């Protein structure tokens, strides 16, 4: 009976001894492990998470991160091809692609960071030194193409032409990553990405660059203003032309309406005269009396005058 009780106890003690001796170990998610025996790697790297077994006391576990890691370099003062110094600050993302190769070549992430300092900084220096400042600062000709078209010099116009970008900052950054990537596979490392975090001009260059930028913007602004004033003058000219056309057509229509009205009036008068010429003559004579006979008017008429005829008839009627 006592023996049966001791068996589970013995098993527990054995398991505790095994665990205490390091026979079991756990590989976490995001980890990869290299097993060494007396300092030499044994087998392939272990990249799958879970509970694993090793030879206690003899074998050792070396853990490395399987996730993407960050590298952040220090700003470096670098001259460009046109002899202008800038401060270049780069950053990168990398990962351990082959843990066994990484362990044999570097051993620790700290040493890897140091090696990346040399590799990426060297690649950045080589490529930036071979390019003009504008290539490092700007990404593309997207805005420059518009500016160049705007500032296309007329014959005799003074002004320094805008510099065009052949490569651009984005392409240079890609070239830095490609150049650095050529040197890192021997360490079991893969460069995922390299980016230029910041570019600063040194003090001697900064003011000249700012002056150049201000000059370019002012030239573009003046060109826009000039084109705007020309367009405004064109619009005003079109407006005046349209106004004169409308006025001309309105005057023409008014004269046509007046002519039609006069023709209708003449026709009405003619019709009235044709129906009773004497009565029409009488009305016209009365209209003449109304317009000419005032308090200050003196009429001298002959006896055969048409005006006298009606006055005489009116006197006869009174008698």
C-alpha atoms as a PDB file:
ATOM      1  CA  UNK A   1       0.000   0.000   0.000  1.00  0.00           C
ATOM      2  CA  UNK A   2       2.764   2.387   0.959  1.00  0.00           C
ATOM      3  CA  UNK A   3       4.557   1.497  -2.276  1.00  0.00           C
ATOM      4  CA  UNK A   4       1.514   2.567  -4.328  1.00  0.00           C
ATOM      5  CA  UNK A   5       1.506   5.942  -2.585  1.00  0.00           C
ATOM      6  CA  UNK A   6       5.208   6.446  -3.196  1.00  0.00           C
ATOM      7  CA  UNK A   7       4.989   5.828  -6.981  1.00  0.00           C
ATOM      8  CA  UNK A   8       3.143   9.104  -7.839  1.00  0.00           C
ATOM      9  CA  UNK A   9       5.437  10.951  -5.461  1.00  0.00           C
ATOM     10  CA  UNK A  10       8.510   9.537  -7.174  1.00  0.00           C
ATOM     11  CA  UNK A  11       7.102  10.493 -10.612  1.00  0.00           C
ATOM     12  CA  UNK A  12       6.482  14.049  -9.429  1.00  0.00           C
ATOM     13  CA  UNK A  13      10.010  14.285  -8.032  1.00  0.00           C
ATOM     14  CA  UNK A  14      11.480  12.994 -11.303  1.00  0.00           C
ATOM     15  CA  UNK A  15       9.459  15.541 -13.315  1.00  0.00           C
ATOM     16  CA  UNK A  16      10.553  18.339 -11.005  1.00  0.00           C
ATOM     17  CA  UNK A  17      14.174  17.288 -11.376  1.00  0.00           C
ATOM     18  CA  UNK A  18      13.798  17.159 -15.167  1.00  0.00           C
ATOM     19  CA  UNK A  19      12.231  20.612 -15.325  1.00  0.00           C
ATOM     20  CA  UNK A  20      14.775  21.982 -12.893  1.00  0.00           C
ATOM     21  CA  UNK A  21      17.584  20.621 -15.001  1.00  0.00           C
ATOM     22  CA  UNK A  22      16.208  22.462 -18.066  1.00  0.00           C
ATOM     23  CA  UNK A  23      15.146  19.513 -20.183  1.00  0.00           C
ATOM     24  CA  UNK A  24      11.958  21.354 -21.208  1.00  0.00           C
ATOM     25  CA  UNK A  25      11.694  24.854 -22.582  1.00  0.00           C
ATOM     26  CA  UNK A  26       8.927  26.925 -24.192  1.00  0.00           C
ATOM     27  CA  UNK A  27       9.203  28.758 -27.499  1.00  0.00           C
ATOM     28  CA  UNK A  28       6.849  31.755 -27.485  1.00  0.00           C
ATOM     29  CA  UNK A  29       5.007  33.270 -30.420  1.00  0.00           C
ATOM     30  CA  UNK A  30       7.299  35.791 -32.094  1.00  0.00           C
ATOM     31  CA  UNK A  31      10.410  33.866 -31.026  1.00  0.00           C
ATOM     32  CA  UNK A  32      12.843  31.571 -32.776  1.00  0.00           C
ATOM     33  CA  UNK A  33      15.410  29.439 -31.012  1.00  0.00           C
ATOM     34  CA  UNK A  34      18.871  28.110 -31.752  1.00  0.00           C
ATOM     35  CA  UNK A  35      20.084  25.142 -29.656  1.00  0.00           C
ATOM     36  CA  UNK A  36      23.798  24.865 -28.966  1.00  0.00           C
ATOM     37  CA  UNK A  37      25.755  21.997 -27.491  1.00  0.00           C
ATOM     38  CA  UNK A  38      29.048  22.982 -25.869  1.00  0.00           C
ATOM     39  CA  UNK A  39      28.819  26.243 -27.806  1.00  0.00           C
ATOM     40  CA  UNK A  40      28.180  24.713 -31.200  1.00  0.00           C
ATOM     41  CA  UNK A  41      24.753  24.912 -32.913  1.00  0.00           C
ATOM     42  CA  UNK A  42      22.760  21.696 -33.049  1.00  0.00           C
ATOM     43  CA  UNK A  43      20.121  21.144 -35.736  1.00  0.00           C
ATOM     44  CA  UNK A  44      17.985  23.755 -37.485  1.00  0.00           C
ATOM     45  CA  UNK A  45      16.491  26.812 -35.789  1.00  0.00           C
ATOM     46  CA  UNK A  46      13.174  26.183 -34.041  1.00  0.00           C
ATOM     47  CA  UNK A  47      10.578  28.668 -35.319  1.00  0.00           C
ATOM     48  CA  UNK A  48       7.324  27.024 -34.173  1.00  0.00           C
ATOM     49  CA  UNK A  49       5.903  28.008 -30.794  1.00  0.00           C
ATOM     50  CA  UNK A  50       5.255  25.368 -28.140  1.00  0.00           C
ATOM     51  CA  UNK A  51       6.822  23.134 -25.473  1.00  0.00           C
ATOM     52  CA  UNK A  52      10.165  21.688 -26.574  1.00  0.00           C
ATOM     53  CA  UNK A  53      12.725  19.228 -25.156  1.00  0.00           C
ATOM     54  CA  UNK A  54      16.507  19.466 -25.021  1.00  0.00           C
ATOM     55  CA  UNK A  55      19.308  17.590 -23.368  1.00  0.00           C
ATOM     56  CA  UNK A  56      19.616  18.993 -19.859  1.00  0.00           C
ATOM     57  CA  UNK A  57      22.910  20.505 -18.671  1.00  0.00           C
ATOM     58  CA  UNK A  58      24.510  19.970 -22.092  1.00  0.00           C
ATOM     59  CA  UNK A  59      22.386  21.962 -24.528  1.00  0.00           C
ATOM     60  CA  UNK A  60      21.565  25.672 -24.227  1.00  0.00           C
ATOM     61  CA  UNK A  61      18.706  27.751 -25.690  1.00  0.00           C
ATOM     62  CA  UNK A  62      19.424  30.981 -27.551  1.00  0.00           C
ATOM     63  CA  UNK A  63      16.294  33.050 -28.249  1.00  0.00           C
ATOM     64  CA  UNK A  64      15.919  35.555 -31.067  1.00  0.00           C
ATOM     65  CA  UNK A  65      13.022  37.753 -32.086  1.00  0.00           C
ATOM     66  CA  UNK A  66      11.060  36.599 -35.126  1.00  0.00           C
ATOM     67  CA  UNK A  67       9.179  39.902 -35.504  1.00  0.00           C
ATOM     68  CA  UNK A  68      10.172  42.973 -37.495  1.00  0.00           C
ATOM     69  CA  UNK A  69      12.691  45.035 -35.541  1.00  0.00           C
ATOM     70  CA  UNK A  70      13.519  48.736 -35.633  1.00  0.00           C
ATOM     71  CA  UNK A  71      16.808  50.355 -36.483  1.00  0.00           C
ATOM     72  CA  UNK A  72      17.184  54.081 -35.918  1.00  0.00           C
ATOM     73  CA  UNK A  73      20.417  55.671 -37.041  1.00  0.00           C
ATOM     74  CA  UNK A  74      22.061  58.870 -35.906  1.00  0.00           C
ATOM     75  CA  UNK A  75      21.968  61.984 -38.142  1.00  0.00           C
ATOM     76  CA  UNK A  76      25.025  62.223 -40.389  1.00  0.00           C
ATOM     77  CA  UNK A  77      26.414  65.287 -42.129  1.00  0.00           C
ATOM     78  CA  UNK A  78      26.786  64.382 -45.821  1.00  0.00           C
ATOM     79  CA  UNK A  79      27.815  66.514 -48.834  1.00  0.00           C
ATOM     80  CA  UNK A  80      25.742  66.277 -52.010  1.00  0.00           C
ATOM     81  CA  UNK A  81      27.115  66.246 -55.538  1.00  0.00           C
ATOM     82  CA  UNK A  82      26.731  70.034 -55.790  1.00  0.00           C
ATOM     83  CA  UNK A  83      28.835  70.479 -52.614  1.00  0.00           C
ATOM     84  CA  UNK A  84      25.973  71.334 -50.279  1.00  0.00           C
ATOM     85  CA  UNK A  85      26.073  69.746 -46.836  1.00  0.00           C
ATOM     86  CA  UNK A  86      22.950  68.284 -45.271  1.00  0.00           C
ATOM     87  CA  UNK A  87      22.064  66.369 -42.125  1.00  0.00           C
ATOM     88  CA  UNK A  88      20.576  63.016 -43.128  1.00  0.00           C
ATOM     89  CA  UNK A  89      18.620  60.990 -40.558  1.00  0.00           C
ATOM     90  CA  UNK A  90      17.526  57.504 -41.640  1.00  0.00           C
ATOM     91  CA  UNK A  91      15.540  54.694 -40.085  1.00  0.00           C
ATOM     92  CA  UNK A  92      14.974  51.076 -41.098  1.00  0.00           C
ATOM     93  CA  UNK A  93      12.979  47.947 -40.325  1.00  0.00           C
ATOM     94  CA  UNK A  94      14.675  44.557 -40.342  1.00  0.00           C
ATOM     95  CA  UNK A  95      14.162  40.990 -39.196  1.00  0.00           C
ATOM     96  CA  UNK A  96      16.206  37.903 -38.501  1.00  0.00           C
ATOM     97  CA  UNK A  97      15.574  35.695 -41.508  1.00  0.00           C
ATOM     98  CA  UNK A  98      17.960  32.841 -40.620  1.00  0.00           C
ATOM     99  CA  UNK A  99      18.452  32.506 -36.866  1.00  0.00           C
ATOM    100  CA  UNK A 100      21.285  29.975 -37.196  1.00  0.00           C
ATOM    101  CA  UNK A 101      23.259  32.147 -39.610  1.00  0.00           C
ATOM    102  CA  UNK A 102      22.532  35.178 -37.452  1.00  0.00           C
ATOM    103  CA  UNK A 103      23.822  33.408 -34.336  1.00  0.00           C
ATOM    104  CA  UNK A 104      27.014  32.277 -36.049  1.00  0.00           C
ATOM    105  CA  UNK A 105      27.719  35.698 -37.641  1.00  0.00           C
ATOM    106  CA  UNK A 106      26.625  38.136 -34.937  1.00  0.00           C
ATOM    107  CA  UNK A 107      25.206  36.353 -31.918  1.00  0.00           C
ATOM    108  CA  UNK A 108      23.182  39.242 -30.449  1.00  0.00           C
ATOM    109  CA  UNK A 109      20.771  41.943 -31.627  1.00  0.00           C
ATOM    110  CA  UNK A 110      22.999  44.624 -30.120  1.00  0.00           C
ATOM    111  CA  UNK A 111      25.852  43.624 -32.389  1.00  0.00           C
ATOM    112  CA  UNK A 112      23.409  43.439 -35.303  1.00  0.00           C
ATOM    113  CA  UNK A 113      22.299  47.022 -34.658  1.00  0.00           C
ATOM    114  CA  UNK A 114      25.931  48.104 -34.696  1.00  0.00           C
ATOM    115  CA  UNK A 115      26.562  46.343 -38.007  1.00  0.00           C
ATOM    116  CA  UNK A 116      23.464  47.958 -39.499  1.00  0.00           C
ATOM    117  CA  UNK A 117      24.807  51.355 -38.443  1.00  0.00           C
ATOM    118  CA  UNK A 118      27.849  50.782 -40.618  1.00  0.00           C
ATOM    119  CA  UNK A 119      26.015  49.209 -43.565  1.00  0.00           C
ATOM    120  CA  UNK A 120      23.045  51.615 -43.903  1.00  0.00           C
ATOM    121  CA  UNK A 121      25.009  54.764 -43.120  1.00  0.00           C
ATOM    122  CA  UNK A 122      27.657  53.776 -45.671  1.00  0.00           C
ATOM    123  CA  UNK A 123      25.041  53.069 -48.362  1.00  0.00           C
ATOM    124  CA  UNK A 124      23.263  56.362 -47.629  1.00  0.00           C
ATOM    125  CA  UNK A 125      26.492  58.339 -47.773  1.00  0.00           C
ATOM    126  CA  UNK A 126      27.553  56.780 -51.097  1.00  0.00           C
ATOM    127  CA  UNK A 127      24.226  57.418 -52.815  1.00  0.00           C
ATOM    128  CA  UNK A 128      23.548  60.906 -51.424  1.00  0.00           C
ATOM    129  CA  UNK A 129      27.061  62.074 -52.265  1.00  0.00           C
ATOM    130  CA  UNK A 130      26.472  61.046 -55.893  1.00  0.00           C
ATOM    131  CA  UNK A 131      23.247  63.101 -56.244  1.00  0.00           C
ATOM    132  CA  UNK A 132      22.351  66.780 -56.420  1.00  0.00           C
ATOM    133  CA  UNK A 133      20.661  68.370 -53.419  1.00  0.00           C
ATOM    134  CA  UNK A 134      17.326  68.769 -55.205  1.00  0.00           C
ATOM    135  CA  UNK A 135      17.269  65.029 -55.986  1.00  0.00           C
ATOM    136  CA  UNK A 136      17.610  64.200 -52.280  1.00  0.00           C
ATOM    137  CA  UNK A 137      15.020  66.742 -51.135  1.00  0.00           C
ATOM    138  CA  UNK A 138      12.208  66.332 -53.672  1.00  0.00           C
ATOM    139  CA  UNK A 139      10.313  63.198 -54.630  1.00  0.00           C
ATOM    140  CA  UNK A 140       9.244  63.796 -58.219  1.00  0.00           C
ATOM    141  CA  UNK A 141       8.610  66.282 -61.019  1.00  0.00           C
ATOM    142  CA  UNK A 142       4.855  66.338 -60.367  1.00  0.00           C
ATOM    143  CA  UNK A 143       4.856  69.950 -59.190  1.00  0.00           C
ATOM    144  CA  UNK A 144       7.969  70.915 -61.132  1.00  0.00           C
ATOM    145  CA  UNK A 145       6.339  70.032 -64.455  1.00  0.00           C
ATOM    146  CA  UNK A 146       3.533  72.497 -63.724  1.00  0.00           C
ATOM    147  CA  UNK A 147       6.008  75.139 -62.571  1.00  0.00           C
ATOM    148  CA  UNK A 148       8.205  74.632 -65.638  1.00  0.00           C
ATOM    149  CA  UNK A 149       5.214  75.029 -67.923  1.00  0.00           C
ATOM    150  CA  UNK A 150       4.143  78.151 -66.041  1.00  0.00           C
ATOM    151  CA  UNK A 151       7.614  79.660 -66.117  1.00  0.00           C
ATOM    152  CA  UNK A 152       8.453  78.690 -69.688  1.00  0.00           C
ATOM    153  CA  UNK A 153      10.652  81.644 -70.596  1.00  0.00           C
ATOM    154  CA  UNK A 154       9.533  83.824 -73.455  1.00  0.00           C
ATOM    155  CA  UNK A 155      12.207  85.099 -75.819  1.00  0.00           C
ATOM    156  CA  UNK A 156      14.315  87.646 -74.007  1.00  0.00           C
ATOM    157  CA  UNK A 157      12.827  86.900 -70.560  1.00  0.00           C
ATOM    158  CA  UNK A 158      15.409  86.610 -67.815  1.00  0.00           C
ATOM    159  CA  UNK A 159      15.173  84.025 -65.090  1.00  0.00           C
ATOM    160  CA  UNK A 160      16.965  80.907 -63.998  1.00  0.00           C
ATOM    161  CA  UNK A 161      15.188  77.750 -65.201  1.00  0.00           C
ATOM    162  CA  UNK A 162      13.873  75.354 -62.578  1.00  0.00           C
ATOM    163  CA  UNK A 163      15.963  72.248 -61.935  1.00  0.00           C
ATOM    164  CA  UNK A 164      14.285  69.036 -62.996  1.00  0.00           C
ATOM    165  CA  UNK A 165      14.391  65.850 -60.946  1.00  0.00           C
ATOM    166  CA  UNK A 166      15.807  62.768 -62.636  1.00  0.00           C
ATOM    167  CA  UNK A 167      15.746  60.314 -59.692  1.00  0.00           C
ATOM    168  CA  UNK A 168      14.085  61.859 -56.645  1.00  0.00           C
ATOM    169  CA  UNK A 169      14.154  61.239 -52.926  1.00  0.00           C
ATOM    170  CA  UNK A 170      11.878  58.190 -52.985  1.00  0.00           C
ATOM    171  CA  UNK A 171      14.005  56.401 -55.583  1.00  0.00           C
ATOM    172  CA  UNK A 172      17.215  57.289 -53.728  1.00  0.00           C
ATOM    173  CA  UNK A 173      15.735  55.818 -50.548  1.00  0.00           C
ATOM    174  CA  UNK A 174      14.909  52.631 -52.443  1.00  0.00           C
ATOM    175  CA  UNK A 175      18.457  52.516 -53.815  1.00  0.00           C
ATOM    176  CA  UNK A 176      19.847  52.851 -50.256  1.00  0.00           C
ATOM    177  CA  UNK A 177      17.770  49.863 -49.147  1.00  0.00           C
ATOM    178  CA  UNK A 178      18.851  47.789 -52.161  1.00  0.00           C
ATOM    179  CA  UNK A 179      22.523  48.627 -51.644  1.00  0.00           C
ATOM    180  CA  UNK A 180      22.363  47.853 -47.919  1.00  0.00           C
ATOM    181  CA  UNK A 181      20.408  44.649 -48.586  1.00  0.00           C
ATOM    182  CA  UNK A 182      23.328  43.324 -50.631  1.00  0.00           C
ATOM    183  CA  UNK A 183      25.514  43.338 -47.503  1.00  0.00           C
ATOM    184  CA  UNK A 184      23.158  41.881 -44.872  1.00  0.00           C
ATOM    185  CA  UNK A 185      22.236  38.353 -46.118  1.00  0.00           C
ATOM    186  CA  UNK A 186      25.591  37.015 -44.847  1.00  0.00           C
ATOM    187  CA  UNK A 187      24.373  37.857 -41.335  1.00  0.00           C
ATOM    188  CA  UNK A 188      21.017  36.086 -41.733  1.00  0.00           C
ATOM    189  CA  UNK A 189      19.242  39.476 -41.785  1.00  0.00           C
ATOM    190  CA  UNK A 190      16.612  40.842 -44.180  1.00  0.00           C
ATOM    191  CA  UNK A 191      16.057  44.581 -44.575  1.00  0.00           C
ATOM    192  CA  UNK A 192      12.317  45.119 -44.822  1.00  0.00           C
ATOM    193  CA  UNK A 193      12.392  48.871 -45.378  1.00  0.00           C
ATOM    194  CA  UNK A 194      14.651  51.916 -45.217  1.00  0.00           C
ATOM    195  CA  UNK A 195      13.287  55.457 -44.996  1.00  0.00           C
ATOM    196  CA  UNK A 196      14.761  58.931 -44.792  1.00  0.00           C
ATOM    197  CA  UNK A 197      13.299  60.249 -41.564  1.00  0.00           C
ATOM    198  CA  UNK A 198      14.529  63.806 -41.796  1.00  0.00           C
ATOM    199  CA  UNK A 199      16.738  66.044 -43.925  1.00  0.00           C
ATOM    200  CA  UNK A 200      18.102  69.284 -42.508  1.00  0.00           C
ATOM    201  CA  UNK A 201      20.303  71.821 -44.225  1.00  0.00           C
ATOM    202  CA  UNK A 202      23.445  72.973 -42.516  1.00  0.00           C
ATOM    203  CA  UNK A 203      23.316  76.642 -41.526  1.00  0.00           C
ATOM    204  CA  UNK A 204      25.504  77.848 -44.418  1.00  0.00           C
ATOM    205  CA  UNK A 205      23.223  76.235 -47.000  1.00  0.00           C
ATOM    206  CA  UNK A 206      19.842  76.828 -45.367  1.00  0.00           C
ATOM    207  CA  UNK A 207      19.451  80.531 -46.180  1.00  0.00           C
ATOM    208  CA  UNK A 208      20.510  80.051 -49.803  1.00  0.00           C
ATOM    209  CA  UNK A 209      18.021  77.235 -50.238  1.00  0.00           C
ATOM    210  CA  UNK A 210      15.244  79.274 -48.657  1.00  0.00           C
ATOM    211  CA  UNK A 211      16.065  82.254 -50.892  1.00  0.00           C
ATOM    212  CA  UNK A 212      15.944  80.001 -53.948  1.00  0.00           C
ATOM    213  CA  UNK A 213      12.588  78.527 -52.889  1.00  0.00           C
ATOM    214  CA  UNK A 214      11.154  82.008 -52.237  1.00  0.00           C
ATOM    215  CA  UNK A 215      12.418  83.224 -55.611  1.00  0.00           C
ATOM    216  CA  UNK A 216      10.822  80.287 -57.427  1.00  0.00           C
ATOM    217  CA  UNK A 217       7.492  80.773 -55.655  1.00  0.00           C
ATOM    218  CA  UNK A 218       7.538  84.509 -56.373  1.00  0.00           C
ATOM    219  CA  UNK A 219       8.198  83.896 -60.054  1.00  0.00           C
ATOM    220  CA  UNK A 220       5.336  81.427 -60.228  1.00  0.00           C
ATOM    221  CA  UNK A 221       3.097  83.852 -58.307  1.00  0.00           C
ATOM    222  CA  UNK A 222       3.914  86.698 -60.695  1.00  0.00           C
ATOM    223  CA  UNK A 223       3.205  84.444 -63.663  1.00  0.00           C
ATOM    224  CA  UNK A 224      -0.175  83.473 -62.205  1.00  0.00           C
ATOM    225  CA  UNK A 225      -0.988  87.128 -61.501  1.00  0.00           C
ATOM    226  CA  UNK A 226       0.003  88.126 -65.029  1.00  0.00           C
ATOM    227  CA  UNK A 227      -2.128  85.386 -66.555  1.00  0.00           C
ATOM    228  CA  UNK A 228      -4.995  86.338 -64.224  1.00  0.00           C
ATOM    229  CA  UNK A 229      -4.838  89.991 -65.251  1.00  0.00           C
ATOM    230  CA  UNK A 230      -4.769  88.997 -68.917  1.00  0.00           C
ATOM    231  CA  UNK A 231      -7.753  86.718 -68.435  1.00  0.00           C
ATOM    232  CA  UNK A 232      -9.596  89.476 -66.539  1.00  0.00           C
ATOM    233  CA  UNK A 233      -8.968  91.924 -69.393  1.00  0.00           C
ATOM    234  CA  UNK A 234     -10.206  89.333 -71.880  1.00  0.00           C
ATOM    235  CA  UNK A 235     -13.363  88.746 -69.837  1.00  0.00           C
ATOM    236  CA  UNK A 236     -14.022  92.495 -69.579  1.00  0.00           C
ATOM    237  CA  UNK A 237     -13.527  92.864 -73.336  1.00  0.00           C
ATOM    238  CA  UNK A 238     -15.957  90.017 -73.994  1.00  0.00           C
ATOM    239  CA  UNK A 239     -18.398  91.618 -71.564  1.00  0.00           C
ATOM    240  CA  UNK A 240     -18.221  95.018 -73.327  1.00  0.00           C
ATOM    241  CA  UNK A 241     -18.584  93.366 -76.705  1.00  0.00           C
ATOM    242  CA  UNK A 242     -21.629  91.407 -75.550  1.00  0.00           C
ATOM    243  CA  UNK A 243     -23.141  94.560 -73.979  1.00  0.00           C
ATOM    244  CA  UNK A 244     -22.742  96.506 -77.206  1.00  0.00           C
ATOM    245  CA  UNK A 245     -24.276  93.637 -79.181  1.00  0.00           C
ATOM    246  CA  UNK A 246     -27.282  93.497 -76.847  1.00  0.00           C
ATOM    247  CA  UNK A 247     -27.718  97.287 -77.005  1.00  0.00           C
ATOM    248  CA  UNK A 248     -27.442  97.243 -80.802  1.00  0.00           C
ATOM    249  CA  UNK A 249     -30.037  94.492 -81.122  1.00  0.00           C
ATOM    250  CA  UNK A 250     -32.321  96.288 -78.642  1.00  0.00           C
ATOM    251  CA  UNK A 251     -32.018  99.572 -80.588  1.00  0.00           C
ATOM    252  CA  UNK A 252     -32.716  97.742 -83.831  1.00  0.00           C
ATOM    253  CA  UNK A 253     -35.804  96.071 -82.357  1.00  0.00           C
ATOM    254  CA  UNK A 254     -37.006  99.394 -80.887  1.00  0.00           C
ATOM    255  CA  UNK A 255     -36.619 101.193 -84.226  1.00  0.00           C
ATOM    256  CA  UNK A 256     -38.383  98.350 -85.984  1.00  0.00           C
ATOM    257  CA  UNK A 257     -41.270  98.515 -83.510  1.00  0.00           C
ATOM    258  CA  UNK A 258     -41.477 102.316 -83.896  1.00  0.00           C
ATOM    259  CA  UNK A 259     -41.432 101.962 -87.688  1.00  0.00           C
ATOM    260  CA  UNK A 260     -44.194  99.369 -87.559  1.00  0.00           C
ATOM    261  CA  UNK A 261     -46.235 101.606 -85.247  1.00  0.00           C
ATOM    262  CA  UNK A 262     -45.770 104.641 -87.523  1.00  0.00           C
ATOM    263  CA  UNK A 263     -46.779 102.584 -90.534  1.00  0.00           C
ATOM    264  CA  UNK A 264     -49.901 101.386 -88.721  1.00  0.00           C
ATOM    265  CA  UNK A 265     -50.729 104.975 -87.667  1.00  0.00           C
ATOM    266  CA  UNK A 266     -50.291 106.236 -91.232  1.00  0.00           C
ATOM    267  CA  UNK A 267     -52.469 103.400 -92.450  1.00  0.00           C
ATOM    268  CA  UNK A 268     -55.151 104.274 -89.895  1.00  0.00           C
ATOM    269  CA  UNK A 269     -54.985 107.975 -90.862  1.00  0.00           C
ATOM    270  CA  UNK A 270     -55.157 107.056 -94.539  1.00  0.00           C
ATOM    271  CA  UNK A 271     -58.158 104.830 -93.992  1.00  0.00           C
ATOM    272  CA  UNK A 272     -59.890 107.548 -91.974  1.00  0.00           C
ATOM    273  CA  UNK A 273     -59.148 110.173 -94.638  1.00  0.00           C
ATOM    274  CA  UNK A 274     -60.442 107.881 -97.356  1.00  0.00           C
ATOM    275  CA  UNK A 275     -63.777 107.322 -95.611  1.00  0.00           C
ATOM    276  CA  UNK A 276     -64.550 111.073 -95.028  1.00  0.00           C
ATOM    277  CA  UNK A 277     -61.944 113.466 -96.397  1.00  0.00           C
ATOM    278  CA  UNK A 278     -63.845 116.587 -95.335  1.00  0.00           C
ATOM    279  CA  UNK A 279     -64.275 115.456 -91.758  1.00  0.00           C
ATOM    280  CA  UNK A 280     -60.587 114.425 -91.626  1.00  0.00           C
ATOM    281  CA  UNK A 281     -59.587 117.859 -92.953  1.00  0.00           C
ATOM    282  CA  UNK A 282     -61.821 119.482 -90.368  1.00  0.00           C
ATOM    283  CA  UNK A 283     -60.180 117.494 -87.509  1.00  0.00           C
ATOM    284  CA  UNK A 284     -56.704 118.353 -88.748  1.00  0.00           C
ATOM    285  CA  UNK A 285     -57.682 122.048 -88.896  1.00  0.00           C
ATOM    286  CA  UNK A 286     -58.988 121.912 -85.335  1.00  0.00           C
ATOM    287  CA  UNK A 287     -55.713 120.305 -84.210  1.00  0.00           C
ATOM    288  CA  UNK A 288     -53.879 123.168 -85.912  1.00  0.00           C
ATOM    289  CA  UNK A 289     -56.069 125.709 -84.107  1.00  0.00           C
ATOM    290  CA  UNK A 290     -55.282 124.009 -80.783  1.00  0.00           C
ATOM    291  CA  UNK A 291     -51.553 124.094 -81.320  1.00  0.00           C
ATOM    292  CA  UNK A 292     -51.239 127.603 -82.780  1.00  0.00           C
ATOM    293  CA  UNK A 293     -54.002 129.653 -81.228  1.00  0.00           C
ATOM    294  CA  UNK A 294     -52.901 130.884 -77.797  1.00  0.00           C
ATOM    295  CA  UNK A 295     -53.475 134.112 -75.821  1.00  0.00           C
ATOM    296  CA  UNK A 296     -50.359 135.675 -77.280  1.00  0.00           C
ATOM    297  CA  UNK A 297     -50.959 134.523 -80.863  1.00  0.00           C
ATOM    298  CA  UNK A 298     -52.128 136.865 -83.575  1.00  0.00           C
ATOM    299  CA  UNK A 299     -53.292 135.365 -86.869  1.00  0.00           C
ATOM    300  CA  UNK A 300     -53.345 137.262 -90.174  1.00  0.00           C
ATOM    301  CA  UNK A 301     -55.362 135.229 -92.647  1.00  0.00           C
ATOM    302  CA  UNK A 302     -56.455 135.791 -96.211  1.00  0.00           C
ATOM    303  CA  UNK A 303     -60.087 135.313 -97.089  1.00  0.00           C
ATOM    304  CA  UNK A 304     -59.281 132.283 -99.207  1.00  0.00           C
ATOM    305  CA  UNK A 305     -57.365 130.503 -96.424  1.00  0.00           C
ATOM    306  CA  UNK A 306     -58.626 127.153 -95.289  1.00  0.00           C
ATOM    307  CA  UNK A 307     -58.209 128.239 -91.685  1.00  0.00           C
ATOM    308  CA  UNK A 308     -60.274 131.354 -92.312  1.00  0.00           C
ATOM    309  CA  UNK A 309     -62.921 129.278 -94.002  1.00  0.00           C
ATOM    310  CA  UNK A 310     -63.778 127.373 -90.824  1.00  0.00           C
ATOM    311  CA  UNK A 311     -63.555 130.494 -88.664  1.00  0.00           C
ATOM    312  CA  UNK A 312     -65.891 132.274 -91.004  1.00  0.00           C
ATOM    313  CA  UNK A 313     -68.294 129.348 -90.975  1.00  0.00           C
ATOM    314  CA  UNK A 314     -68.234 129.275 -87.203  1.00  0.00           C
ATOM    315  CA  UNK A 315     -69.086 133.020 -87.056  1.00  0.00           C
ATOM    316  CA  UNK A 316     -71.949 132.443 -89.468  1.00  0.00           C
ATOM    317  CA  UNK A 317     -73.295 129.659 -87.322  1.00  0.00           C
ATOM    318  CA  UNK A 318     -73.228 131.894 -84.253  1.00  0.00           C
ATOM    319  CA  UNK A 319     -75.322 134.511 -86.051  1.00  0.00           C
END
